[in-house]
Amino acid sequence: MRRVDEAIRVVLSDAIAKDLKDPRVGFVTVTAVKTSPDLRHARVFVSVLGDERVRSESLEGLRSAHGFLQAQLAAELRFKHTPTLEFEYDESVDRGMRISQLIEDVGRRTDDA
C-alpha cells in the first residue's frame, strides 16, 4: 500500500503544481495519501501556505478539480479502478509548528532565568 500511496502522492503533486489552473488553489503541498484496502478511495492530505481563508479556498478548488485530478491519475497509473479522491487539510504541519514554537519559548525562558 505504501508504494501505491506514494505513487499517487507524486502524480497528484505534479498535476497540482503544473497542470491545475484554478486560481483558488494557492501554494499546496500534498503531504500524504491514504488509500482504502480496495483502492477505490484515496484520502489526500495537503498543507496550504497562507491563512484560514486561503486554506479554505484552496481546498474548495481542489475538491472541484477532483475529476480532472482523477483523470490525471488514471493517465499516469494503471489501476483496475481509479480511486475517488477526497482532499483534507493536514493539521500535522500546524501541530509541528506549534510544538516548535513552544519548545523555542521554553528555551528562551530557561536562558532568561
C-alpha atoms as a PDB file:
ATOM      1  CA  MET A   1       0.000   0.000   0.000  1.00  0.00           C
ATOM      2  CA  ARG A   2       2.801   2.439   0.789  1.00  0.00           C
ATOM      3  CA  ARG A   3       4.143   2.248  -2.746  1.00  0.00           C
ATOM      4  CA  VAL A   4       0.691   2.910  -4.195  1.00  0.00           C
ATOM      5  CA  ASP A   5       0.104   5.801  -1.775  1.00  0.00           C
ATOM      6  CA  GLU A   6       3.475   7.316  -2.657  1.00  0.00           C
ATOM      7  CA  ALA A   7       2.891   6.913  -6.406  1.00  0.00           C
ATOM      8  CA  ILE A   8      -0.476   8.675  -6.091  1.00  0.00           C
ATOM      9  CA  ARG A   9       1.123  11.434  -3.991  1.00  0.00           C
ATOM     10  CA  VAL A  10       3.804  12.056  -6.628  1.00  0.00           C
ATOM     11  CA  VAL A  11       1.335  12.157  -9.544  1.00  0.00           C
ATOM     12  CA  LEU A  12      -1.080  14.474  -7.714  1.00  0.00           C
ATOM     13  CA  SER A  13       1.720  16.778  -6.539  1.00  0.00           C
ATOM     14  CA  ASP A  14       2.937  17.133 -10.100  1.00  0.00           C
ATOM     15  CA  ALA A  15      -0.570  17.642 -11.525  1.00  0.00           C
ATOM     16  CA  ILE A  16      -1.459  20.290  -8.934  1.00  0.00           C
ATOM     17  CA  ALA A  17       1.804  22.171  -9.417  1.00  0.00           C
ATOM     18  CA  LYS A  18       1.978  22.042 -13.219  1.00  0.00           C
ATOM     19  CA  ASP A  19      -1.461  21.392 -14.705  1.00  0.00           C
ATOM     20  CA  LEU A  20      -4.109  22.750 -12.345  1.00  0.00           C
ATOM     21  CA  LYS A  21      -5.090  26.281 -13.355  1.00  0.00           C
ATOM     22  CA  ASP A  22      -7.737  27.037 -10.696  1.00  0.00           C
ATOM     23  CA  PRO A  23      -6.917  30.479  -9.211  1.00  0.00           C
ATOM     24  CA  ARG A  24      -8.385  29.422  -5.856  1.00  0.00           C
ATOM     25  CA  VAL A  25      -5.650  26.839  -5.387  1.00  0.00           C
ATOM     26  CA  GLY A  26      -2.684  28.543  -3.764  1.00  0.00           C
ATOM     27  CA  PHE A  27       0.652  27.066  -2.759  1.00  0.00           C
ATOM     28  CA  VAL A  28      -0.401  23.491  -1.953  1.00  0.00           C
ATOM     29  CA  THR A  29       1.801  20.580  -0.926  1.00  0.00           C
ATOM     30  CA  VAL A  30       0.491  17.016  -0.963  1.00  0.00           C
ATOM     31  CA  THR A  31       1.852  15.643   2.309  1.00  0.00           C
ATOM     32  CA  ALA A  32       0.341  12.145   2.333  1.00  0.00           C
ATOM     33  CA  VAL A  33      -2.132   9.824   0.662  1.00  0.00           C
ATOM     34  CA  LYS A  34      -4.043   7.033   2.395  1.00  0.00           C
ATOM     35  CA  THR A  35      -5.841   4.579   0.135  1.00  0.00           C
ATOM     36  CA  SER A  36      -8.581   2.180   1.188  1.00  0.00           C
ATOM     37  CA  PRO A  37      -7.705  -1.542   1.082  1.00  0.00           C
ATOM     38  CA  ASP A  38      -9.720  -1.995  -2.131  1.00  0.00           C
ATOM     39  CA  LEU A  39      -8.025   1.080  -3.719  1.00  0.00           C
ATOM     40  CA  ARG A  40     -11.380   2.652  -4.568  1.00  0.00           C
ATOM     41  CA  HIS A  41     -10.918   5.667  -2.297  1.00  0.00           C
ATOM     42  CA  ALA A  42      -7.931   7.849  -1.512  1.00  0.00           C
ATOM     43  CA  ARG A  43      -7.717  10.474   1.217  1.00  0.00           C
ATOM     44  CA  VAL A  44      -5.272  13.138   0.069  1.00  0.00           C
ATOM     45  CA  PHE A  45      -3.721  15.233   2.831  1.00  0.00           C
ATOM     46  CA  VAL A  46      -2.457  18.674   1.851  1.00  0.00           C
ATOM     47  CA  SER A  47      -0.779  21.603   3.531  1.00  0.00           C
ATOM     48  CA  VAL A  48      -1.513  25.100   2.296  1.00  0.00           C
ATOM     49  CA  LEU A  49       0.672  28.165   2.673  1.00  0.00           C
ATOM     50  CA  GLY A  50      -1.494  31.016   3.946  1.00  0.00           C
ATOM     51  CA  ASP A  51      -4.229  31.873   6.388  1.00  0.00           C
ATOM     52  CA  GLU A  52      -7.562  30.144   7.033  1.00  0.00           C
ATOM     53  CA  ARG A  53      -9.249  31.880   4.062  1.00  0.00           C
ATOM     54  CA  VAL A  54      -6.519  30.790   1.626  1.00  0.00           C
ATOM     55  CA  ARG A  55      -6.673  27.256   3.059  1.00  0.00           C
ATOM     56  CA  SER A  56     -10.448  27.105   2.635  1.00  0.00           C
ATOM     57  CA  GLU A  57     -10.332  28.424  -0.942  1.00  0.00           C
ATOM     58  CA  SER A  58      -7.541  26.036  -1.894  1.00  0.00           C
ATOM     59  CA  LEU A  59      -9.446  23.036  -0.529  1.00  0.00           C
ATOM     60  CA  GLU A  60     -12.578  24.175  -2.354  1.00  0.00           C
ATOM     61  CA  GLY A  61     -10.573  24.448  -5.590  1.00  0.00           C
ATOM     62  CA  LEU A  62      -9.032  21.007  -5.115  1.00  0.00           C
ATOM     63  CA  ARG A  63     -12.411  19.449  -4.394  1.00  0.00           C
ATOM     64  CA  SER A  64     -13.924  20.995  -7.514  1.00  0.00           C
ATOM     65  CA  ALA A  65     -10.955  19.766  -9.589  1.00  0.00           C
ATOM     66  CA  HIS A  66     -11.112  16.197  -8.275  1.00  0.00           C
ATOM     67  CA  GLY A  67     -12.421  14.891 -11.623  1.00  0.00           C
ATOM     68  CA  PHE A  68      -9.536  16.471 -13.528  1.00  0.00           C
ATOM     69  CA  LEU A  69      -7.043  15.169 -10.962  1.00  0.00           C
ATOM     70  CA  GLN A  70      -8.567  11.667 -11.095  1.00  0.00           C
ATOM     71  CA  ALA A  71      -8.183  11.726 -14.884  1.00  0.00           C
ATOM     72  CA  GLN A  72      -4.521  12.715 -14.481  1.00  0.00           C
ATOM     73  CA  LEU A  73      -4.097   9.847 -12.035  1.00  0.00           C
ATOM     74  CA  ALA A  74      -5.755   7.385 -14.437  1.00  0.00           C
ATOM     75  CA  ALA A  75      -3.489   8.527 -17.278  1.00  0.00           C
ATOM     76  CA  GLU A  76      -0.301   8.100 -15.222  1.00  0.00           C
ATOM     77  CA  LEU A  77      -1.026   4.990 -13.163  1.00  0.00           C
ATOM     78  CA  ARG A  78      -2.730   1.803 -14.264  1.00  0.00           C
ATOM     79  CA  PHE A  79      -5.391   0.736 -11.776  1.00  0.00           C
ATOM     80  CA  LYS A  80      -8.374  -1.515 -12.253  1.00  0.00           C
ATOM     81  CA  HIS A  81     -10.394   1.311 -10.663  1.00  0.00           C
ATOM     82  CA  THR A  82      -9.057   4.837 -10.262  1.00  0.00           C
ATOM     83  CA  PRO A  83      -9.534   5.878  -6.628  1.00  0.00           C
ATOM     84  CA  THR A  84     -12.085   8.547  -5.767  1.00  0.00           C
ATOM     85  CA  LEU A  85     -10.148  11.467  -4.287  1.00  0.00           C
ATOM     86  CA  GLU A  86     -11.064  13.174  -1.033  1.00  0.00           C
ATOM     87  CA  PHE A  87      -8.969  16.196  -0.026  1.00  0.00           C
ATOM     88  CA  GLU A  88      -8.278  17.070   3.608  1.00  0.00           C
ATOM     89  CA  TYR A  89      -6.119  19.674   5.276  1.00  0.00           C
ATOM     90  CA  ASP A  90      -3.117  18.092   7.025  1.00  0.00           C
ATOM     91  CA  GLU A  91      -3.096  19.574  10.510  1.00  0.00           C
ATOM     92  CA  SER A  92       0.135  17.816  11.477  1.00  0.00           C
ATOM     93  CA  VAL A  93       2.112  20.676   9.923  1.00  0.00           C
ATOM     94  CA  ASP A  94       0.341  23.198  12.171  1.00  0.00           C
ATOM     95  CA  ARG A  95       0.840  20.967  15.214  1.00  0.00           C
ATOM     96  CA  GLY A  96       4.531  20.604  14.421  1.00  0.00           C
ATOM     97  CA  MET A  97       4.953  24.368  14.080  1.00  0.00           C
ATOM     98  CA  ARG A  98       3.097  24.917  17.366  1.00  0.00           C
ATOM     99  CA  ILE A  99       5.297  22.377  19.176  1.00  0.00           C
ATOM    100  CA  SER A 100       8.431  24.010  17.738  1.00  0.00           C
ATOM    101  CA  GLN A 101       7.205  27.405  18.945  1.00  0.00           C
ATOM    102  CA  LEU A 102       6.513  26.049  22.442  1.00  0.00           C
ATOM    103  CA  ILE A 103       9.975  24.476  22.625  1.00  0.00           C
ATOM    104  CA  GLU A 104      11.527  27.742  21.480  1.00  0.00           C
ATOM    105  CA  ASP A 105       9.551  29.678  24.128  1.00  0.00           C
ATOM    106  CA  VAL A 106      10.674  27.285  26.876  1.00  0.00           C
ATOM    107  CA  GLY A 107      14.272  27.622  25.675  1.00  0.00           C
ATOM    108  CA  ARG A 108      14.062  31.419  25.892  1.00  0.00           C
ATOM    109  CA  ARG A 109      12.629  31.255  29.409  1.00  0.00           C
ATOM    110  CA  THR A 110      15.427  28.995  30.647  1.00  0.00           C
ATOM    111  CA  ASP A 111      18.027  31.290  29.058  1.00  0.00           C
ATOM    112  CA  ASP A 112      16.491  34.291  30.837  1.00  0.00           C
ATOM    113  CA  ALA A 113      16.424  32.540  34.227  1.00  0.00           C
END
